[in-house]
N, C-alpha and C. Protein backbone atom coordinates (compact mmCIF):
# COMPACT_ATOMS: atom_id res chain seq x y z
N MET A 1 3.18 -8.24 12.24
CA MET A 1 2.73 -6.95 12.75
C MET A 1 1.88 -7.37 13.96
N THR A 2 2.06 -6.55 15.08
CA THR A 2 1.25 -6.75 16.26
C THR A 2 -0.11 -5.97 16.17
N ASP A 3 -0.95 -6.16 17.15
CA ASP A 3 -2.19 -5.43 17.13
C ASP A 3 -2.06 -4.21 18.11
N ASP A 4 -0.87 -3.91 18.55
CA ASP A 4 -0.68 -2.79 19.42
C ASP A 4 -1.07 -1.46 18.67
N PRO A 5 -1.50 -0.41 19.42
CA PRO A 5 -1.83 0.81 18.81
C PRO A 5 -0.57 1.37 18.04
N PHE A 6 -0.80 2.01 16.99
CA PHE A 6 0.36 2.59 16.21
C PHE A 6 0.82 3.84 16.96
N ARG A 7 2.15 3.93 17.14
CA ARG A 7 2.82 5.09 17.66
C ARG A 7 3.72 5.58 16.63
N CYS A 8 3.44 6.78 16.07
CA CYS A 8 4.17 7.37 14.99
C CYS A 8 5.58 7.71 15.39
N ARG A 9 6.56 7.18 14.65
CA ARG A 9 7.98 7.55 14.82
C ARG A 9 8.53 8.09 13.52
N CYS A 10 7.71 8.77 12.73
CA CYS A 10 8.12 9.28 11.44
C CYS A 10 9.05 10.50 11.54
N VAL A 11 9.62 10.90 10.47
CA VAL A 11 10.57 11.93 10.44
C VAL A 11 9.94 13.35 10.71
N LEU A 12 8.55 13.42 10.67
CA LEU A 12 7.93 14.63 11.09
C LEU A 12 7.68 14.73 12.54
N CYS A 13 7.53 13.55 13.22
CA CYS A 13 7.25 13.47 14.66
C CYS A 13 8.51 13.48 15.46
N HIS A 14 9.65 13.11 14.92
CA HIS A 14 10.87 12.90 15.66
C HIS A 14 12.04 13.45 14.79
N ASP A 15 12.92 14.19 15.46
CA ASP A 15 14.07 14.71 14.77
C ASP A 15 15.18 13.74 14.89
N TYR A 16 15.48 13.04 13.76
CA TYR A 16 16.54 12.05 13.74
C TYR A 16 17.88 12.72 13.41
N GLY A 17 17.86 14.05 13.15
CA GLY A 17 19.13 14.75 12.88
C GLY A 17 19.69 14.56 11.46
N ASP A 18 18.93 13.96 10.57
CA ASP A 18 19.45 13.70 9.26
C ASP A 18 18.53 14.21 8.10
N LEU A 19 17.58 15.05 8.44
CA LEU A 19 16.67 15.55 7.45
C LEU A 19 17.40 16.26 6.20
N ASP A 20 18.54 16.87 6.57
CA ASP A 20 19.32 17.54 5.56
C ASP A 20 19.97 16.54 4.55
N GLU A 21 19.95 15.26 4.90
CA GLU A 21 20.47 14.25 3.97
C GLU A 21 19.41 13.63 3.08
N ALA A 22 18.13 14.04 3.26
CA ALA A 22 17.09 13.45 2.44
C ALA A 22 17.22 13.77 0.97
N ASP A 23 17.00 12.85 0.10
CA ASP A 23 17.07 13.11 -1.34
C ASP A 23 15.80 13.82 -1.80
N ARG A 24 15.70 14.16 -3.09
CA ARG A 24 14.59 14.90 -3.57
C ARG A 24 13.28 14.25 -3.41
N LEU A 25 13.16 12.90 -3.63
CA LEU A 25 11.88 12.26 -3.50
C LEU A 25 11.55 12.20 -1.96
N GLY A 26 12.51 12.04 -1.11
CA GLY A 26 12.27 12.04 0.33
C GLY A 26 11.70 13.37 0.75
N LEU A 27 12.28 14.48 0.27
CA LEU A 27 11.76 15.80 0.57
C LEU A 27 10.33 16.03 0.06
N THR A 28 10.05 15.49 -1.17
CA THR A 28 8.74 15.63 -1.77
C THR A 28 7.72 14.81 -0.92
N ILE A 29 8.09 13.63 -0.43
CA ILE A 29 7.14 12.91 0.43
C ILE A 29 6.85 13.67 1.66
N ILE A 30 7.87 14.26 2.31
CA ILE A 30 7.63 15.00 3.53
C ILE A 30 6.71 16.21 3.27
N GLU A 31 7.05 16.95 2.13
CA GLU A 31 6.23 18.09 1.73
C GLU A 31 4.74 17.75 1.53
N ASN A 32 4.50 16.59 0.80
CA ASN A 32 3.15 16.20 0.54
C ASN A 32 2.41 15.73 1.74
N VAL A 33 3.14 15.08 2.64
CA VAL A 33 2.49 14.59 3.91
C VAL A 33 2.05 15.82 4.76
N ARG A 34 2.90 16.85 4.77
CA ARG A 34 2.60 18.11 5.49
C ARG A 34 1.38 18.78 4.82
N LYS A 35 1.39 18.89 3.53
CA LYS A 35 0.45 19.68 2.83
C LYS A 35 -0.85 18.92 2.63
N HIS A 36 -0.83 17.63 2.24
CA HIS A 36 -2.06 16.91 1.86
C HIS A 36 -2.45 15.81 2.85
N GLY A 37 -1.51 15.39 3.72
CA GLY A 37 -1.79 14.40 4.74
C GLY A 37 -1.15 13.06 4.31
N TRP A 38 -0.83 12.88 3.08
CA TRP A 38 -0.14 11.65 2.64
C TRP A 38 0.43 11.92 1.27
N HIS A 39 1.30 10.94 0.84
CA HIS A 39 1.93 10.98 -0.46
C HIS A 39 1.69 9.54 -1.06
N VAL A 40 1.62 9.52 -2.37
CA VAL A 40 1.49 8.17 -3.10
C VAL A 40 2.73 7.97 -3.89
N VAL A 41 3.42 6.90 -3.58
CA VAL A 41 4.60 6.44 -4.38
C VAL A 41 4.05 5.58 -5.45
N MET A 42 4.48 5.86 -6.71
CA MET A 42 3.99 5.11 -7.86
C MET A 42 5.21 4.42 -8.53
N VAL A 43 5.17 3.10 -8.66
CA VAL A 43 6.22 2.30 -9.28
C VAL A 43 5.67 1.74 -10.52
N PRO A 44 6.02 2.28 -11.69
CA PRO A 44 5.37 1.81 -12.95
C PRO A 44 5.78 0.43 -13.37
N GLU A 45 4.95 -0.22 -14.14
CA GLU A 45 5.19 -1.48 -14.70
C GLU A 45 6.51 -1.46 -15.52
N ASP A 46 7.27 -2.56 -15.46
CA ASP A 46 8.50 -2.59 -16.22
C ASP A 46 8.70 -4.03 -16.68
N ASP A 47 9.93 -4.31 -17.15
CA ASP A 47 10.16 -5.77 -17.57
C ASP A 47 10.12 -6.75 -16.55
N ILE A 48 10.27 -6.35 -15.27
CA ILE A 48 10.24 -7.25 -14.16
C ILE A 48 8.83 -7.67 -13.76
N GLY A 49 7.92 -6.69 -13.84
CA GLY A 49 6.51 -7.04 -13.41
C GLY A 49 5.60 -5.87 -13.41
N PRO A 50 4.38 -6.06 -13.01
CA PRO A 50 3.32 -5.08 -12.97
C PRO A 50 3.73 -3.91 -12.01
N GLY A 51 3.13 -2.75 -12.30
CA GLY A 51 3.27 -1.66 -11.49
C GLY A 51 2.56 -1.73 -10.07
N PHE A 52 2.91 -0.83 -9.26
CA PHE A 52 2.19 -0.76 -7.90
C PHE A 52 2.32 0.60 -7.38
N ALA A 53 1.47 0.90 -6.38
CA ALA A 53 1.51 2.23 -5.73
C ALA A 53 1.17 2.01 -4.26
N TYR A 54 1.72 2.94 -3.40
CA TYR A 54 1.33 2.84 -2.04
C TYR A 54 1.42 4.26 -1.37
N THR A 55 0.76 4.40 -0.27
CA THR A 55 0.64 5.61 0.43
C THR A 55 1.77 5.72 1.50
N ILE A 56 2.14 6.90 1.85
CA ILE A 56 2.93 7.16 2.98
C ILE A 56 2.38 8.46 3.66
N GLY A 57 2.04 8.30 4.91
CA GLY A 57 1.54 9.43 5.70
C GLY A 57 0.14 9.20 6.32
N LEU A 58 -0.64 8.23 5.78
CA LEU A 58 -2.00 8.11 6.39
C LEU A 58 -1.86 7.68 7.85
N SER A 59 -0.89 6.90 8.26
CA SER A 59 -0.70 6.54 9.61
C SER A 59 -0.36 7.79 10.47
N HIS A 60 0.54 8.59 9.96
CA HIS A 60 0.96 9.84 10.64
C HIS A 60 -0.20 10.76 10.76
N THR A 61 -0.94 11.03 9.72
CA THR A 61 -1.98 12.07 9.64
C THR A 61 -3.31 11.59 10.29
N HIS A 62 -3.69 10.41 9.98
CA HIS A 62 -5.06 9.94 10.46
C HIS A 62 -5.01 8.74 11.37
N GLY A 63 -3.80 8.24 11.65
CA GLY A 63 -3.75 7.01 12.44
C GLY A 63 -4.27 5.75 11.70
N ALA A 64 -4.35 5.89 10.37
CA ALA A 64 -4.88 4.86 9.53
C ALA A 64 -3.82 4.04 8.96
N PRO A 65 -4.11 2.84 8.54
CA PRO A 65 -3.11 2.02 7.78
C PRO A 65 -2.68 2.70 6.50
N GLU A 66 -1.48 2.45 6.11
CA GLU A 66 -1.02 2.80 4.76
C GLU A 66 -1.74 1.82 3.80
N LEU A 67 -1.82 2.20 2.59
CA LEU A 67 -2.48 1.43 1.54
C LEU A 67 -1.54 1.05 0.38
N ALA A 68 -1.68 -0.07 -0.12
CA ALA A 68 -0.89 -0.46 -1.31
C ALA A 68 -1.76 -1.18 -2.31
N MET A 69 -1.48 -0.92 -3.54
CA MET A 69 -2.33 -1.50 -4.66
C MET A 69 -1.32 -1.96 -5.80
N PHE A 70 -1.75 -2.98 -6.51
CA PHE A 70 -0.91 -3.60 -7.51
C PHE A 70 -1.63 -3.92 -8.74
N GLY A 71 -0.94 -3.91 -9.88
CA GLY A 71 -1.38 -4.50 -11.12
C GLY A 71 -2.23 -3.64 -12.08
N LEU A 72 -2.52 -2.42 -11.77
CA LEU A 72 -3.25 -1.54 -12.65
C LEU A 72 -2.27 -0.42 -13.06
N ASP A 73 -2.76 0.44 -13.96
CA ASP A 73 -2.01 1.64 -14.34
C ASP A 73 -1.74 2.46 -13.06
N VAL A 74 -0.55 2.95 -12.86
CA VAL A 74 -0.18 3.62 -11.67
C VAL A 74 -1.00 4.85 -11.40
N HIS A 75 -1.40 5.51 -12.44
CA HIS A 75 -2.25 6.72 -12.27
C HIS A 75 -3.64 6.38 -11.75
N ALA A 76 -4.20 5.25 -12.26
CA ALA A 76 -5.48 4.77 -11.83
C ALA A 76 -5.37 4.32 -10.34
N MET A 77 -4.30 3.65 -9.98
CA MET A 77 -4.06 3.28 -8.60
C MET A 77 -3.92 4.50 -7.66
N HIS A 78 -3.24 5.47 -8.18
CA HIS A 78 -3.06 6.74 -7.46
C HIS A 78 -4.45 7.32 -7.07
N ARG A 79 -5.37 7.35 -8.05
CA ARG A 79 -6.76 7.96 -7.82
C ARG A 79 -7.45 7.05 -6.81
N VAL A 80 -7.40 5.76 -6.83
CA VAL A 80 -8.04 4.95 -5.90
C VAL A 80 -7.46 5.11 -4.50
N LEU A 81 -6.24 5.14 -4.38
CA LEU A 81 -5.57 5.34 -3.06
C LEU A 81 -5.94 6.68 -2.53
N ASN A 82 -6.04 7.72 -3.29
CA ASN A 82 -6.44 9.05 -2.82
C ASN A 82 -7.91 9.02 -2.30
N ARG A 83 -8.75 8.29 -3.03
CA ARG A 83 -10.19 8.20 -2.59
C ARG A 83 -10.23 7.47 -1.25
N LEU A 84 -9.51 6.34 -1.10
CA LEU A 84 -9.49 5.65 0.13
C LEU A 84 -8.79 6.47 1.22
N GLY A 85 -7.80 7.24 0.90
CA GLY A 85 -7.14 8.14 1.83
C GLY A 85 -8.13 9.17 2.43
N GLU A 86 -8.96 9.68 1.50
CA GLU A 86 -10.00 10.67 1.98
C GLU A 86 -10.93 9.98 2.92
N LYS A 87 -11.30 8.73 2.60
CA LYS A 87 -12.16 7.92 3.55
C LYS A 87 -11.49 7.75 4.93
N ALA A 88 -10.21 7.55 4.94
CA ALA A 88 -9.53 7.35 6.10
C ALA A 88 -9.54 8.55 7.09
N ALA A 89 -9.84 9.70 6.55
CA ALA A 89 -9.92 10.85 7.37
C ALA A 89 -11.17 10.89 8.29
N GLY A 90 -12.21 10.10 7.83
CA GLY A 90 -13.47 10.17 8.65
C GLY A 90 -13.96 8.81 9.01
N SER A 91 -13.28 7.68 8.61
CA SER A 91 -13.79 6.39 9.00
C SER A 91 -12.55 5.45 9.12
N THR A 92 -12.89 4.22 9.66
CA THR A 92 -11.76 3.27 9.86
C THR A 92 -11.69 2.41 8.67
N LEU A 93 -10.40 2.21 8.18
CA LEU A 93 -10.06 1.23 7.18
C LEU A 93 -9.47 0.05 7.84
N ALA A 94 -10.00 -1.20 7.53
CA ALA A 94 -9.53 -2.35 8.32
C ALA A 94 -9.47 -3.62 7.42
N ASP A 95 -8.68 -4.56 7.86
CA ASP A 95 -8.60 -5.90 7.23
C ASP A 95 -9.98 -6.42 7.07
N GLY A 96 -10.23 -7.02 5.82
CA GLY A 96 -11.51 -7.68 5.54
C GLY A 96 -12.63 -6.84 5.09
N GLN A 97 -12.42 -5.50 5.07
CA GLN A 97 -13.46 -4.62 4.60
C GLN A 97 -13.48 -4.63 3.05
N LYS A 98 -14.72 -4.41 2.53
CA LYS A 98 -14.92 -4.15 1.12
C LYS A 98 -15.55 -2.78 0.94
N HIS A 99 -15.08 -2.13 -0.09
CA HIS A 99 -15.55 -0.72 -0.38
C HIS A 99 -16.11 -0.71 -1.81
N PRO A 100 -17.43 -0.59 -2.02
CA PRO A 100 -17.98 -0.57 -3.32
C PRO A 100 -17.93 0.78 -4.03
N ASP A 101 -17.56 1.82 -3.34
CA ASP A 101 -17.67 3.11 -3.86
C ASP A 101 -16.41 3.81 -4.24
N VAL A 102 -15.40 2.98 -4.54
CA VAL A 102 -14.05 3.54 -4.74
C VAL A 102 -13.62 3.48 -6.24
N VAL A 103 -13.93 2.34 -6.91
CA VAL A 103 -13.61 2.15 -8.33
C VAL A 103 -14.92 2.07 -9.06
N ASP A 104 -15.10 2.76 -10.11
CA ASP A 104 -16.37 2.88 -10.87
C ASP A 104 -16.95 1.38 -11.07
N GLY A 105 -18.10 1.12 -10.39
CA GLY A 105 -18.77 -0.12 -10.65
C GLY A 105 -18.19 -1.32 -10.02
N HIS A 106 -17.09 -1.22 -9.33
CA HIS A 106 -16.44 -2.37 -8.74
C HIS A 106 -16.08 -2.09 -7.22
N GLU A 107 -16.09 -3.14 -6.44
CA GLU A 107 -15.67 -2.94 -5.03
C GLU A 107 -14.19 -3.36 -5.00
N VAL A 108 -13.56 -2.82 -3.93
CA VAL A 108 -12.14 -3.26 -3.62
C VAL A 108 -12.22 -3.92 -2.23
N ALA A 109 -11.33 -4.79 -1.97
CA ALA A 109 -11.22 -5.46 -0.68
C ALA A 109 -9.84 -5.10 -0.01
N LEU A 110 -9.89 -4.95 1.29
CA LEU A 110 -8.73 -4.57 1.99
C LEU A 110 -8.21 -5.79 2.80
N ARG A 111 -6.82 -6.06 2.69
CA ARG A 111 -6.29 -7.18 3.33
C ARG A 111 -4.99 -6.77 4.05
N LYS A 112 -4.82 -7.17 5.24
CA LYS A 112 -3.65 -6.81 6.06
C LYS A 112 -2.35 -7.44 5.54
N VAL A 113 -1.35 -6.64 5.24
CA VAL A 113 -0.06 -7.00 4.74
C VAL A 113 0.79 -7.64 5.73
N ASP A 114 1.41 -8.79 5.47
CA ASP A 114 2.30 -9.49 6.33
C ASP A 114 3.60 -8.62 6.42
N LEU A 115 4.12 -8.42 7.62
CA LEU A 115 5.30 -7.61 7.82
C LEU A 115 6.53 -8.03 7.00
N ARG A 116 6.60 -9.33 6.73
CA ARG A 116 7.81 -9.74 6.00
C ARG A 116 7.92 -9.26 4.54
N TRP A 117 6.90 -8.63 4.00
CA TRP A 117 6.90 -8.03 2.65
C TRP A 117 7.36 -6.61 2.66
N TYR A 118 7.41 -5.95 3.81
CA TYR A 118 7.72 -4.57 3.87
C TYR A 118 9.01 -4.16 3.12
N ARG A 119 10.11 -4.78 3.35
CA ARG A 119 11.34 -4.40 2.79
C ARG A 119 11.33 -4.58 1.20
N THR A 120 10.57 -5.55 0.71
CA THR A 120 10.44 -5.78 -0.70
C THR A 120 9.75 -4.64 -1.38
N PHE A 121 8.67 -4.14 -0.80
CA PHE A 121 7.84 -3.22 -1.49
C PHE A 121 7.74 -1.78 -0.93
N PHE A 122 7.99 -1.61 0.32
CA PHE A 122 7.71 -0.31 0.96
C PHE A 122 8.89 0.41 1.58
N GLY A 123 10.00 0.46 0.81
CA GLY A 123 11.22 1.02 1.27
C GLY A 123 11.14 2.46 1.62
N ARG A 124 10.43 3.25 0.80
CA ARG A 124 10.26 4.68 1.13
C ARG A 124 9.49 4.93 2.38
N ALA A 125 8.47 3.99 2.56
CA ALA A 125 7.66 4.20 3.82
C ALA A 125 8.51 3.83 5.02
N ILE A 126 9.40 2.85 4.93
CA ILE A 126 10.30 2.50 6.03
C ILE A 126 11.18 3.68 6.31
N GLY A 127 11.64 4.33 5.27
CA GLY A 127 12.49 5.54 5.45
C GLY A 127 11.78 6.68 6.14
N PHE A 128 10.50 6.85 5.78
CA PHE A 128 9.71 7.91 6.42
C PHE A 128 9.35 7.62 7.87
N TYR A 129 8.95 6.38 8.17
CA TYR A 129 8.55 5.93 9.50
C TYR A 129 9.77 5.49 10.30
N ARG A 130 10.85 5.21 9.66
CA ARG A 130 12.14 4.80 10.25
C ARG A 130 12.18 3.37 10.60
N ARG A 131 11.03 2.71 10.68
CA ARG A 131 11.11 1.23 10.97
C ARG A 131 9.66 0.74 10.99
N PRO A 132 9.48 -0.50 10.59
CA PRO A 132 8.23 -1.13 10.81
C PRO A 132 8.12 -1.45 12.27
N PRO A 133 7.00 -1.77 12.79
CA PRO A 133 5.79 -1.97 12.09
C PRO A 133 4.98 -0.69 11.98
N PHE A 134 4.53 -0.40 10.85
CA PHE A 134 3.49 0.61 10.62
C PHE A 134 2.40 -0.22 9.81
N PRO A 135 1.19 -0.05 10.06
CA PRO A 135 0.16 -0.87 9.35
C PRO A 135 0.02 -0.58 7.87
N VAL A 136 -0.14 -1.69 7.13
CA VAL A 136 -0.38 -1.55 5.71
C VAL A 136 -1.45 -2.48 5.32
N LEU A 137 -2.39 -1.97 4.47
CA LEU A 137 -3.45 -2.87 3.95
C LEU A 137 -3.27 -2.87 2.44
N GLN A 138 -3.41 -4.08 1.83
CA GLN A 138 -3.38 -4.29 0.40
C GLN A 138 -4.82 -3.95 -0.11
N VAL A 139 -4.92 -3.16 -1.15
CA VAL A 139 -6.21 -2.83 -1.82
C VAL A 139 -6.33 -3.77 -3.01
N ALA A 140 -7.20 -4.75 -2.97
CA ALA A 140 -7.33 -5.75 -4.01
C ALA A 140 -8.56 -5.34 -4.86
N TRP A 141 -8.36 -5.52 -6.15
CA TRP A 141 -9.44 -5.25 -7.12
C TRP A 141 -9.88 -6.50 -7.81
N PRO A 142 -11.12 -6.52 -8.24
CA PRO A 142 -11.66 -7.75 -8.83
C PRO A 142 -11.50 -7.75 -10.37
N ASP A 143 -11.75 -8.96 -10.96
CA ASP A 143 -11.69 -9.06 -12.46
C ASP A 143 -13.04 -8.63 -12.95
N ALA A 144 -13.24 -8.72 -14.25
CA ALA A 144 -14.49 -8.29 -14.91
C ALA A 144 -15.65 -9.00 -14.42
N ASP A 145 -15.48 -10.27 -13.83
CA ASP A 145 -16.58 -11.00 -13.30
C ASP A 145 -16.78 -10.84 -11.79
N ALA A 146 -16.13 -9.78 -11.27
CA ALA A 146 -16.22 -9.47 -9.81
C ALA A 146 -15.58 -10.51 -8.85
N ARG A 147 -14.55 -11.21 -9.43
CA ARG A 147 -13.84 -12.18 -8.61
C ARG A 147 -12.49 -11.58 -8.23
N PHE A 148 -12.06 -11.83 -7.00
CA PHE A 148 -10.77 -11.30 -6.51
C PHE A 148 -9.70 -12.38 -6.92
N HIS A 149 -8.48 -11.93 -6.89
CA HIS A 149 -7.39 -12.70 -7.42
C HIS A 149 -7.08 -13.93 -6.57
N TRP A 150 -7.57 -14.05 -5.37
CA TRP A 150 -7.38 -15.22 -4.52
C TRP A 150 -8.44 -16.27 -4.72
N GLU A 151 -9.49 -15.91 -5.46
CA GLU A 151 -10.58 -16.84 -5.64
C GLU A 151 -10.23 -17.82 -6.74
N GLU A 152 -10.56 -19.11 -6.58
CA GLU A 152 -10.27 -20.16 -7.56
C GLU A 152 -10.80 -19.83 -8.89
N GLN A 153 -11.99 -19.20 -9.05
CA GLN A 153 -12.68 -18.98 -10.29
C GLN A 153 -12.07 -17.77 -11.02
N ALA A 154 -11.25 -16.99 -10.35
CA ALA A 154 -10.67 -15.77 -11.03
C ALA A 154 -9.84 -16.24 -12.32
N ARG A 155 -9.82 -15.42 -13.29
CA ARG A 155 -9.01 -15.71 -14.42
C ARG A 155 -7.57 -15.73 -14.08
N GLN A 156 -6.84 -16.58 -14.73
CA GLN A 156 -5.32 -16.83 -14.44
C GLN A 156 -4.56 -15.49 -14.45
N GLY A 157 -4.80 -14.69 -15.53
CA GLY A 157 -4.09 -13.48 -15.64
C GLY A 157 -4.34 -12.52 -14.51
N HIS A 158 -5.55 -12.53 -14.05
CA HIS A 158 -5.94 -11.62 -12.92
C HIS A 158 -5.26 -12.19 -11.62
N ARG A 159 -5.27 -13.53 -11.42
CA ARG A 159 -4.65 -14.12 -10.30
C ARG A 159 -3.16 -13.73 -10.16
N GLU A 160 -2.59 -13.52 -11.31
CA GLU A 160 -1.09 -13.22 -11.31
C GLU A 160 -0.85 -11.71 -11.26
N SER A 161 -1.82 -10.85 -11.43
CA SER A 161 -1.64 -9.42 -11.57
C SER A 161 -1.45 -8.80 -10.20
N GLN A 162 -1.78 -9.44 -9.14
CA GLN A 162 -1.62 -8.85 -7.84
C GLN A 162 -0.99 -9.92 -6.92
N PRO A 163 -0.20 -9.47 -6.02
CA PRO A 163 0.37 -10.40 -5.01
C PRO A 163 -0.66 -10.75 -3.90
N ARG A 164 -0.36 -11.61 -3.12
CA ARG A 164 -1.23 -11.93 -1.87
C ARG A 164 -0.37 -11.63 -0.68
N LEU A 165 -0.23 -10.37 -0.32
CA LEU A 165 0.66 -9.96 0.64
C LEU A 165 0.22 -10.27 2.06
N TRP A 166 -0.93 -10.73 2.25
CA TRP A 166 -1.33 -11.20 3.56
C TRP A 166 -0.76 -12.52 3.94
N LEU A 167 -0.21 -13.26 2.89
CA LEU A 167 0.44 -14.54 3.10
C LEU A 167 1.93 -14.23 3.45
N PRO A 168 2.53 -15.05 4.25
CA PRO A 168 3.99 -14.95 4.34
C PRO A 168 4.61 -15.27 3.07
N PRO A 169 5.82 -14.60 2.75
CA PRO A 169 6.45 -14.85 1.50
C PRO A 169 6.68 -16.40 1.19
N SER A 170 6.95 -17.16 2.22
CA SER A 170 7.23 -18.57 2.03
C SER A 170 5.98 -19.36 1.63
N GLU A 171 4.79 -18.73 1.82
CA GLU A 171 3.58 -19.44 1.38
C GLU A 171 2.96 -18.85 0.19
N HIS A 172 3.46 -17.77 -0.37
CA HIS A 172 3.03 -17.13 -1.51
C HIS A 172 3.22 -18.01 -2.83
N PRO A 173 2.23 -18.10 -3.68
CA PRO A 173 2.45 -18.77 -4.96
C PRO A 173 3.70 -18.21 -5.70
N VAL A 174 4.48 -19.09 -6.27
CA VAL A 174 5.67 -18.72 -7.03
C VAL A 174 5.20 -17.94 -8.23
N GLY A 175 5.90 -16.82 -8.51
CA GLY A 175 5.60 -15.98 -9.69
C GLY A 175 6.34 -14.69 -9.67
N VAL A 176 5.82 -13.71 -10.43
CA VAL A 176 6.55 -12.45 -10.53
C VAL A 176 6.65 -11.75 -9.26
N TRP A 177 5.73 -11.94 -8.31
CA TRP A 177 5.90 -11.23 -7.04
C TRP A 177 6.90 -11.84 -6.13
N THR A 178 7.32 -13.03 -6.40
CA THR A 178 8.26 -13.69 -5.47
C THR A 178 9.66 -13.87 -6.13
N SER A 179 9.83 -13.44 -7.41
CA SER A 179 11.08 -13.63 -8.16
C SER A 179 12.22 -12.83 -7.58
N GLU A 180 12.00 -11.78 -6.88
CA GLU A 180 13.09 -10.97 -6.33
C GLU A 180 13.46 -11.34 -4.88
N LEU A 181 12.68 -12.30 -4.33
CA LEU A 181 12.92 -12.70 -2.94
C LEU A 181 14.16 -13.60 -2.80
């Protein structure tokens, strides 16, 4: 991803002539972005791996990065992403920031997602924006000892519960997040 300013090319800003071909979820995403400013896609945990959730529309509505979160209950992640989405309306969300006021008693850290992960995790966002790059930040949460999953001292289960999407896929530790690559 470049550091060039984001120029929205989403389906709301440009008529691609195919809106009538959108499926039900695609239309729901468009409706929620129009009504609320963004939509949260929730992918529940399954036999393949932990659940995750991500926003679509923050870049369109607020010029803010989209947000992605992994490894918790999808409804809990939905709430966290909505809280951060509300913050995006009045402040800048950026790589390296920590936000102590989003999850009860715990801070979250924001990390810039490497573009090479987009097709693996953010297909609906690509469909909405029609192409990368659109900015995405991973919202990382700490373990019970306030350690993030990239820290050596973090518990092993916690280290595996979230990917490290700021790393290129070729440098990511092998595990559930790389099994589909």
